[in-house]
Amino acid sequence: MIKKNALIQFHFQAASALPARRALKTYITSIFKKEKQPLGSVNIVFCDDQYLLNLNRQFLQHDFYTDILSFPLSGPGEPLIADIYISTDRVRENAKSNQTSFQKELHRVIFHGILHFCGYKDKSPADIKKMRAMEDHFLEAYFRTKA
């Protein structure tokens, strides 16, 4: 169930190009529908490496850079309320090393965070393979509709 007033919001602590925001919000909502996950609201915050490193240290006691942190704020069985933080610095580096565009890598990371909230994990090799397949599925479908 998607709450009637379900809300996806983008916030920019670090400047980042994010075209077609309304279409992306609609697409993210459709992922929750397809995965049968109740949605309340999700804030997606684009930030730099240092900002995300500080969050990683503060909340997870991890002292390393990462591209994304996802924080569910609602309880079990309730429509999801969550915050996602994405380092555009890491996304830019990942895009270079994966030989893809910044926009495709940025969307992959966004979908990765959404998939975590839909129950997908990335700790074991099997989990990583499934997560990557789902990222690819939603990424290809999203950009196919943009073509």
N, C-alpha and C. Protein backbone atom coordinates (compact mmCIF):
# COMPACT_ATOMS: atom_id res chain seq x y z
N MET A 1 0.85 -1.17 0.00
CA MET A 1 0.00 0.00 0.00
C MET A 1 0.89 1.24 0.00
N ILE A 2 0.59 2.16 -0.89
CA ILE A 2 1.29 3.43 -0.94
C ILE A 2 0.34 4.47 -0.35
N LYS A 3 0.81 5.17 0.67
CA LYS A 3 -0.03 6.20 1.27
C LYS A 3 -0.43 7.22 0.22
N LYS A 4 -1.66 7.70 0.32
CA LYS A 4 -2.16 8.66 -0.65
C LYS A 4 -1.24 9.88 -0.76
N ASN A 5 -0.68 10.29 0.34
CA ASN A 5 0.22 11.45 0.33
C ASN A 5 1.69 11.04 0.40
N ALA A 6 2.02 9.87 -0.18
CA ALA A 6 3.41 9.40 -0.20
C ALA A 6 4.29 10.49 -0.83
N LEU A 7 5.46 10.62 -0.29
CA LEU A 7 6.29 11.74 -0.67
C LEU A 7 7.73 11.30 -0.86
N ILE A 8 8.29 11.63 -2.01
CA ILE A 8 9.71 11.45 -2.27
C ILE A 8 10.26 12.88 -2.41
N GLN A 9 11.27 13.21 -1.61
CA GLN A 9 11.85 14.54 -1.69
C GLN A 9 13.35 14.45 -1.89
N PHE A 10 13.87 15.37 -2.70
CA PHE A 10 15.30 15.47 -2.94
C PHE A 10 15.83 16.72 -2.23
N HIS A 11 16.99 16.57 -1.59
CA HIS A 11 17.65 17.67 -0.88
C HIS A 11 19.11 17.70 -1.33
N PHE A 12 19.67 18.88 -1.44
CA PHE A 12 21.02 19.03 -1.99
C PHE A 12 21.93 19.77 -1.03
N GLN A 13 22.73 19.01 -0.28
CA GLN A 13 23.78 19.57 0.56
C GLN A 13 24.98 19.85 -0.35
N ALA A 14 25.13 19.05 -1.39
CA ALA A 14 26.16 19.24 -2.42
C ALA A 14 25.44 19.39 -3.76
N ALA A 15 25.91 20.30 -4.57
CA ALA A 15 25.29 20.52 -5.87
C ALA A 15 25.37 19.26 -6.72
N SER A 16 24.26 18.96 -7.39
CA SER A 16 24.23 17.79 -8.25
C SER A 16 23.13 17.97 -9.29
N ALA A 17 23.44 17.59 -10.50
CA ALA A 17 22.43 17.63 -11.56
C ALA A 17 21.52 16.42 -11.41
N LEU A 18 20.24 16.67 -11.35
CA LEU A 18 19.27 15.58 -11.26
C LEU A 18 18.08 15.95 -12.14
N PRO A 19 18.19 15.60 -13.43
CA PRO A 19 17.10 15.94 -14.35
C PRO A 19 15.87 15.07 -14.13
N ALA A 20 14.75 15.55 -14.64
CA ALA A 20 13.48 14.80 -14.63
C ALA A 20 13.11 14.32 -13.23
N ARG A 21 13.16 15.21 -12.28
CA ARG A 21 12.91 14.85 -10.88
C ARG A 21 11.50 14.30 -10.66
N ARG A 22 10.52 14.90 -11.27
CA ARG A 22 9.14 14.43 -11.10
C ARG A 22 8.99 13.00 -11.63
N ALA A 23 9.58 12.73 -12.80
CA ALA A 23 9.52 11.38 -13.37
C ALA A 23 10.25 10.38 -12.47
N LEU A 24 11.36 10.79 -11.89
CA LEU A 24 12.12 9.91 -11.00
C LEU A 24 11.31 9.60 -9.74
N LYS A 25 10.65 10.60 -9.18
CA LYS A 25 9.81 10.38 -8.00
C LYS A 25 8.71 9.37 -8.32
N THR A 26 8.08 9.53 -9.47
CA THR A 26 7.02 8.60 -9.89
C THR A 26 7.59 7.19 -10.05
N TYR A 27 8.77 7.09 -10.62
CA TYR A 27 9.39 5.78 -10.85
C TYR A 27 9.76 5.12 -9.52
N ILE A 28 10.31 5.88 -8.60
CA ILE A 28 10.64 5.33 -7.28
C ILE A 28 9.37 4.80 -6.60
N THR A 29 8.31 5.56 -6.67
CA THR A 29 7.04 5.12 -6.10
C THR A 29 6.58 3.81 -6.75
N SER A 30 6.79 3.69 -8.06
CA SER A 30 6.39 2.46 -8.76
C SER A 30 7.21 1.25 -8.31
N ILE A 31 8.47 1.47 -7.93
CA ILE A 31 9.29 0.36 -7.42
C ILE A 31 8.68 -0.17 -6.13
N PHE A 32 8.30 0.71 -5.24
CA PHE A 32 7.65 0.28 -4.00
C PHE A 32 6.37 -0.49 -4.29
N LYS A 33 5.59 -0.02 -5.25
CA LYS A 33 4.35 -0.72 -5.63
C LYS A 33 4.67 -2.12 -6.15
N LYS A 34 5.63 -2.21 -7.08
CA LYS A 34 6.00 -3.51 -7.67
C LYS A 34 6.51 -4.47 -6.60
N GLU A 35 7.24 -3.95 -5.64
CA GLU A 35 7.81 -4.77 -4.58
C GLU A 35 6.85 -4.97 -3.40
N LYS A 36 5.64 -4.38 -3.53
CA LYS A 36 4.59 -4.51 -2.50
C LYS A 36 5.07 -4.06 -1.12
N GLN A 37 5.74 -2.92 -1.12
CA GLN A 37 6.25 -2.34 0.12
C GLN A 37 5.49 -1.05 0.41
N PRO A 38 4.94 -0.92 1.61
CA PRO A 38 4.21 0.31 1.95
C PRO A 38 5.15 1.51 2.04
N LEU A 39 4.72 2.62 1.45
CA LEU A 39 5.56 3.82 1.38
C LEU A 39 4.86 4.99 2.03
N GLY A 40 5.58 5.66 2.92
CA GLY A 40 5.12 6.91 3.51
C GLY A 40 5.88 8.06 2.88
N SER A 41 7.16 8.21 3.25
CA SER A 41 7.99 9.26 2.65
C SER A 41 9.46 8.87 2.71
N VAL A 42 10.18 9.35 1.70
CA VAL A 42 11.62 9.13 1.63
C VAL A 42 12.28 10.45 1.26
N ASN A 43 13.26 10.84 2.06
CA ASN A 43 14.11 11.99 1.76
C ASN A 43 15.41 11.45 1.19
N ILE A 44 15.80 11.98 0.03
CA ILE A 44 17.08 11.60 -0.57
C ILE A 44 17.95 12.84 -0.56
N VAL A 45 19.06 12.73 0.19
CA VAL A 45 19.95 13.87 0.41
C VAL A 45 21.25 13.62 -0.36
N PHE A 46 21.59 14.54 -1.25
CA PHE A 46 22.83 14.46 -2.01
C PHE A 46 23.86 15.32 -1.28
N CYS A 47 24.99 14.68 -0.93
CA CYS A 47 25.99 15.35 -0.12
C CYS A 47 27.38 15.02 -0.64
N ASP A 48 28.40 15.52 0.05
CA ASP A 48 29.77 15.23 -0.35
C ASP A 48 30.36 14.13 0.54
N ASP A 49 31.57 13.72 0.20
CA ASP A 49 32.23 12.63 0.93
C ASP A 49 32.34 12.91 2.42
N GLN A 50 32.76 14.13 2.78
CA GLN A 50 33.01 14.44 4.18
C GLN A 50 31.72 14.35 5.00
N TYR A 51 30.64 14.86 4.45
CA TYR A 51 29.35 14.83 5.13
C TYR A 51 28.92 13.38 5.40
N LEU A 52 29.05 12.54 4.37
CA LEU A 52 28.64 11.14 4.53
C LEU A 52 29.60 10.37 5.43
N LEU A 53 30.89 10.69 5.36
CA LEU A 53 31.86 10.06 6.26
C LEU A 53 31.51 10.37 7.71
N ASN A 54 31.14 11.61 7.99
CA ASN A 54 30.76 11.98 9.35
C ASN A 54 29.53 11.20 9.82
N LEU A 55 28.54 11.03 8.95
CA LEU A 55 27.37 10.22 9.30
C LEU A 55 27.76 8.76 9.53
N ASN A 56 28.63 8.25 8.68
CA ASN A 56 29.07 6.86 8.79
C ASN A 56 29.78 6.63 10.13
N ARG A 57 30.61 7.57 10.52
CA ARG A 57 31.30 7.47 11.81
C ARG A 57 30.32 7.59 12.97
N GLN A 58 29.44 8.58 12.89
CA GLN A 58 28.52 8.88 13.99
C GLN A 58 27.50 7.77 14.23
N PHE A 59 26.90 7.25 13.18
CA PHE A 59 25.79 6.32 13.34
C PHE A 59 26.16 4.86 13.20
N LEU A 60 27.22 4.57 12.44
CA LEU A 60 27.58 3.17 12.21
C LEU A 60 28.96 2.82 12.74
N GLN A 61 29.68 3.81 13.27
CA GLN A 61 31.04 3.61 13.77
C GLN A 61 31.95 3.02 12.69
N HIS A 62 31.72 3.43 11.44
CA HIS A 62 32.56 3.03 10.30
C HIS A 62 33.40 4.23 9.90
N ASP A 63 34.69 4.02 9.76
CA ASP A 63 35.59 5.12 9.42
C ASP A 63 36.08 4.96 7.98
N PHE A 64 35.13 4.98 7.03
CA PHE A 64 35.48 4.89 5.62
C PHE A 64 34.42 5.57 4.78
N TYR A 65 34.84 5.95 3.57
CA TYR A 65 33.91 6.56 2.62
C TYR A 65 32.96 5.50 2.08
N THR A 66 31.76 5.95 1.78
CA THR A 66 30.77 5.08 1.14
C THR A 66 29.95 5.94 0.20
N ASP A 67 29.24 5.30 -0.72
CA ASP A 67 28.43 6.08 -1.64
C ASP A 67 27.02 6.34 -1.12
N ILE A 68 26.54 5.50 -0.19
CA ILE A 68 25.16 5.64 0.27
C ILE A 68 25.01 5.13 1.70
N LEU A 69 24.16 5.81 2.44
CA LEU A 69 23.69 5.34 3.75
C LEU A 69 22.17 5.46 3.73
N SER A 70 21.50 4.44 4.23
CA SER A 70 20.03 4.42 4.26
C SER A 70 19.57 4.24 5.70
N PHE A 71 18.65 5.09 6.12
CA PHE A 71 18.15 5.04 7.49
C PHE A 71 16.63 4.92 7.50
N PRO A 72 16.11 3.74 7.85
CA PRO A 72 14.65 3.64 8.04
C PRO A 72 14.27 4.33 9.34
N LEU A 73 13.22 5.11 9.33
CA LEU A 73 12.80 5.85 10.51
C LEU A 73 11.46 5.38 11.06
N SER A 74 10.76 4.54 10.31
CA SER A 74 9.46 4.03 10.75
C SER A 74 9.62 2.64 11.33
N GLY A 75 8.60 2.20 12.04
CA GLY A 75 8.63 0.88 12.66
C GLY A 75 8.18 -0.21 11.72
N PRO A 76 8.39 -1.47 12.10
CA PRO A 76 7.97 -2.61 11.29
C PRO A 76 6.46 -2.58 11.06
N GLY A 77 6.08 -2.90 9.82
CA GLY A 77 4.67 -2.95 9.48
C GLY A 77 4.04 -1.60 9.16
N GLU A 78 4.78 -0.52 9.39
CA GLU A 78 4.28 0.82 9.08
C GLU A 78 4.77 1.22 7.69
N PRO A 79 4.04 2.13 7.02
CA PRO A 79 4.57 2.64 5.75
C PRO A 79 5.95 3.25 5.99
N LEU A 80 6.84 3.01 5.06
CA LEU A 80 8.23 3.43 5.20
C LEU A 80 8.36 4.94 5.29
N ILE A 81 9.08 5.37 6.30
CA ILE A 81 9.59 6.74 6.40
C ILE A 81 11.10 6.57 6.52
N ALA A 82 11.85 7.22 5.63
CA ALA A 82 13.29 6.96 5.59
C ALA A 82 14.07 8.14 5.03
N ASP A 83 15.35 8.12 5.34
CA ASP A 83 16.30 9.07 4.77
C ASP A 83 17.39 8.27 4.06
N ILE A 84 17.77 8.75 2.90
CA ILE A 84 18.88 8.18 2.13
C ILE A 84 19.87 9.31 1.90
N TYR A 85 21.14 9.05 2.19
CA TYR A 85 22.21 10.02 1.96
C TYR A 85 23.14 9.44 0.90
N ILE A 86 23.43 10.24 -0.12
CA ILE A 86 24.26 9.79 -1.24
C ILE A 86 25.41 10.76 -1.42
N SER A 87 26.64 10.23 -1.43
CA SER A 87 27.81 11.05 -1.70
C SER A 87 28.00 11.18 -3.21
N THR A 88 27.83 12.39 -3.72
CA THR A 88 28.04 12.59 -5.15
C THR A 88 29.51 12.46 -5.52
N ASP A 89 30.40 12.70 -4.54
CA ASP A 89 31.84 12.47 -4.79
C ASP A 89 32.10 11.00 -5.09
N ARG A 90 31.54 10.10 -4.28
CA ARG A 90 31.72 8.66 -4.48
C ARG A 90 31.06 8.22 -5.77
N VAL A 91 29.88 8.74 -6.05
CA VAL A 91 29.17 8.38 -7.28
C VAL A 91 30.03 8.75 -8.49
N ARG A 92 30.62 9.95 -8.45
CA ARG A 92 31.47 10.40 -9.55
C ARG A 92 32.67 9.45 -9.72
N GLU A 93 33.31 9.07 -8.62
CA GLU A 93 34.45 8.14 -8.68
C GLU A 93 34.01 6.76 -9.18
N ASN A 94 32.87 6.28 -8.67
CA ASN A 94 32.36 4.97 -9.11
C ASN A 94 32.03 4.98 -10.60
N ALA A 95 31.46 6.08 -11.08
CA ALA A 95 31.13 6.17 -12.50
C ALA A 95 32.39 6.04 -13.35
N LYS A 96 33.46 6.71 -12.93
CA LYS A 96 34.73 6.62 -13.66
C LYS A 96 35.26 5.19 -13.65
N SER A 97 35.31 4.59 -12.46
CA SER A 97 35.88 3.24 -12.37
C SER A 97 35.00 2.18 -13.04
N ASN A 98 33.70 2.43 -13.10
CA ASN A 98 32.79 1.48 -13.76
C ASN A 98 32.54 1.84 -15.22
N GLN A 99 33.20 2.89 -15.69
CA GLN A 99 33.10 3.36 -17.07
C GLN A 99 31.64 3.56 -17.49
N THR A 100 30.94 4.32 -16.68
CA THR A 100 29.55 4.67 -16.98
C THR A 100 29.37 6.16 -16.73
N SER A 101 28.23 6.67 -17.09
CA SER A 101 27.98 8.09 -16.88
C SER A 101 27.64 8.37 -15.42
N PHE A 102 27.88 9.61 -15.02
CA PHE A 102 27.52 10.02 -13.67
C PHE A 102 26.03 9.81 -13.44
N GLN A 103 25.20 10.17 -14.40
CA GLN A 103 23.75 10.05 -14.23
C GLN A 103 23.31 8.60 -14.04
N LYS A 104 23.86 7.69 -14.82
CA LYS A 104 23.48 6.27 -14.65
C LYS A 104 23.94 5.75 -13.30
N GLU A 105 25.14 6.11 -12.89
CA GLU A 105 25.63 5.64 -11.59
C GLU A 105 24.83 6.27 -10.45
N LEU A 106 24.48 7.52 -10.58
CA LEU A 106 23.67 8.17 -9.56
C LEU A 106 22.31 7.47 -9.41
N HIS A 107 21.69 7.15 -10.52
CA HIS A 107 20.40 6.46 -10.47
C HIS A 107 20.56 5.04 -9.93
N ARG A 108 21.66 4.37 -10.26
CA ARG A 108 21.91 3.03 -9.71
C ARG A 108 21.96 3.11 -8.17
N VAL A 109 22.66 4.09 -7.65
CA VAL A 109 22.79 4.22 -6.20
C VAL A 109 21.44 4.56 -5.57
N ILE A 110 20.68 5.43 -6.20
CA ILE A 110 19.33 5.73 -5.70
C ILE A 110 18.50 4.45 -5.64
N PHE A 111 18.48 3.69 -6.73
CA PHE A 111 17.70 2.45 -6.76
C PHE A 111 18.22 1.44 -5.75
N HIS A 112 19.53 1.42 -5.54
CA HIS A 112 20.14 0.53 -4.54
C HIS A 112 19.54 0.83 -3.16
N GLY A 113 19.50 2.11 -2.80
CA GLY A 113 18.93 2.47 -1.51
C GLY A 113 17.46 2.08 -1.39
N ILE A 114 16.71 2.31 -2.44
CA ILE A 114 15.29 1.95 -2.46
C ILE A 114 15.14 0.44 -2.30
N LEU A 115 15.96 -0.32 -3.00
CA LEU A 115 15.88 -1.79 -2.92
C LEU A 115 16.19 -2.31 -1.53
N HIS A 116 17.08 -1.64 -0.80
CA HIS A 116 17.32 -2.04 0.59
C HIS A 116 16.02 -1.98 1.38
N PHE A 117 15.25 -0.92 1.16
CA PHE A 117 13.98 -0.77 1.89
C PHE A 117 12.91 -1.75 1.41
N CYS A 118 13.16 -2.38 0.28
CA CYS A 118 12.24 -3.40 -0.24
C CYS A 118 12.68 -4.81 0.17
N GLY A 119 13.71 -4.88 1.03
CA GLY A 119 14.12 -6.16 1.58
C GLY A 119 15.36 -6.78 0.95
N TYR A 120 15.95 -6.15 -0.05
CA TYR A 120 17.14 -6.70 -0.69
C TYR A 120 18.37 -6.36 0.15
N LYS A 121 19.29 -7.32 0.21
CA LYS A 121 20.49 -7.16 1.02
C LYS A 121 21.73 -7.24 0.12
N ASP A 122 22.88 -6.91 0.68
CA ASP A 122 24.12 -6.97 -0.11
C ASP A 122 25.32 -7.39 0.73
N LYS A 123 25.11 -8.34 1.62
CA LYS A 123 26.20 -8.81 2.48
C LYS A 123 26.89 -10.05 1.92
N SER A 124 26.14 -11.01 1.44
CA SER A 124 26.73 -12.25 0.92
C SER A 124 26.89 -12.14 -0.60
N PRO A 125 27.74 -12.97 -1.20
CA PRO A 125 27.87 -12.95 -2.67
C PRO A 125 26.53 -13.18 -3.39
N ALA A 126 25.71 -14.07 -2.86
CA ALA A 126 24.41 -14.33 -3.49
C ALA A 126 23.50 -13.11 -3.38
N ASP A 127 23.53 -12.45 -2.21
CA ASP A 127 22.73 -11.24 -2.02
C ASP A 127 23.19 -10.13 -2.96
N ILE A 128 24.50 -9.99 -3.09
CA ILE A 128 25.06 -8.95 -3.96
C ILE A 128 24.64 -9.20 -5.41
N LYS A 129 24.69 -10.44 -5.84
CA LYS A 129 24.29 -10.79 -7.21
C LYS A 129 22.82 -10.44 -7.46
N LYS A 130 21.96 -10.78 -6.51
CA LYS A 130 20.53 -10.47 -6.64
C LYS A 130 20.30 -8.96 -6.63
N MET A 131 20.97 -8.25 -5.72
CA MET A 131 20.83 -6.80 -5.64
C MET A 131 21.26 -6.16 -6.96
N ARG A 132 22.39 -6.58 -7.48
CA ARG A 132 22.89 -6.01 -8.74
C ARG A 132 21.93 -6.29 -9.89
N ALA A 133 21.36 -7.48 -9.92
CA ALA A 133 20.38 -7.81 -10.97
C ALA A 133 19.15 -6.91 -10.88
N MET A 134 18.70 -6.65 -9.67
CA MET A 134 17.54 -5.77 -9.49
C MET A 134 17.89 -4.32 -9.84
N GLU A 135 19.07 -3.86 -9.44
CA GLU A 135 19.51 -2.52 -9.83
C GLU A 135 19.52 -2.40 -11.35
N ASP A 136 20.13 -3.38 -12.02
CA ASP A 136 20.20 -3.36 -13.48
C ASP A 136 18.80 -3.35 -14.10
N HIS A 137 17.91 -4.17 -13.55
CA HIS A 137 16.53 -4.24 -14.06
C HIS A 137 15.86 -2.87 -14.00
N PHE A 138 15.88 -2.25 -12.83
CA PHE A 138 15.20 -0.97 -12.67
C PHE A 138 15.92 0.16 -13.41
N LEU A 139 17.24 0.10 -13.46
CA LEU A 139 18.02 1.11 -14.17
C LEU A 139 17.72 1.07 -15.67
N GLU A 140 17.75 -0.14 -16.24
CA GLU A 140 17.48 -0.28 -17.67
C GLU A 140 16.05 0.14 -18.00
N ALA A 141 15.10 -0.26 -17.17
CA ALA A 141 13.69 0.10 -17.41
C ALA A 141 13.51 1.62 -17.31
N TYR A 142 14.14 2.25 -16.33
CA TYR A 142 14.01 3.69 -16.16
C TYR A 142 14.57 4.44 -17.37
N PHE A 143 15.78 4.09 -17.78
CA PHE A 143 16.39 4.81 -18.90
C PHE A 143 15.77 4.43 -20.24
N ARG A 144 15.15 3.28 -20.33
CA ARG A 144 14.42 2.91 -21.55
C ARG A 144 13.23 3.85 -21.73
N THR A 145 12.56 4.21 -20.64
CA THR A 145 11.42 5.12 -20.73
C THR A 145 11.87 6.54 -21.06
N LYS A 146 13.14 6.86 -20.82
CA LYS A 146 13.68 8.19 -21.10
C LYS A 146 14.15 8.32 -22.53
N ALA A 147 14.36 7.19 -23.21
CA ALA A 147 14.90 7.22 -24.58
C ALA A 147 13.88 7.67 -25.61
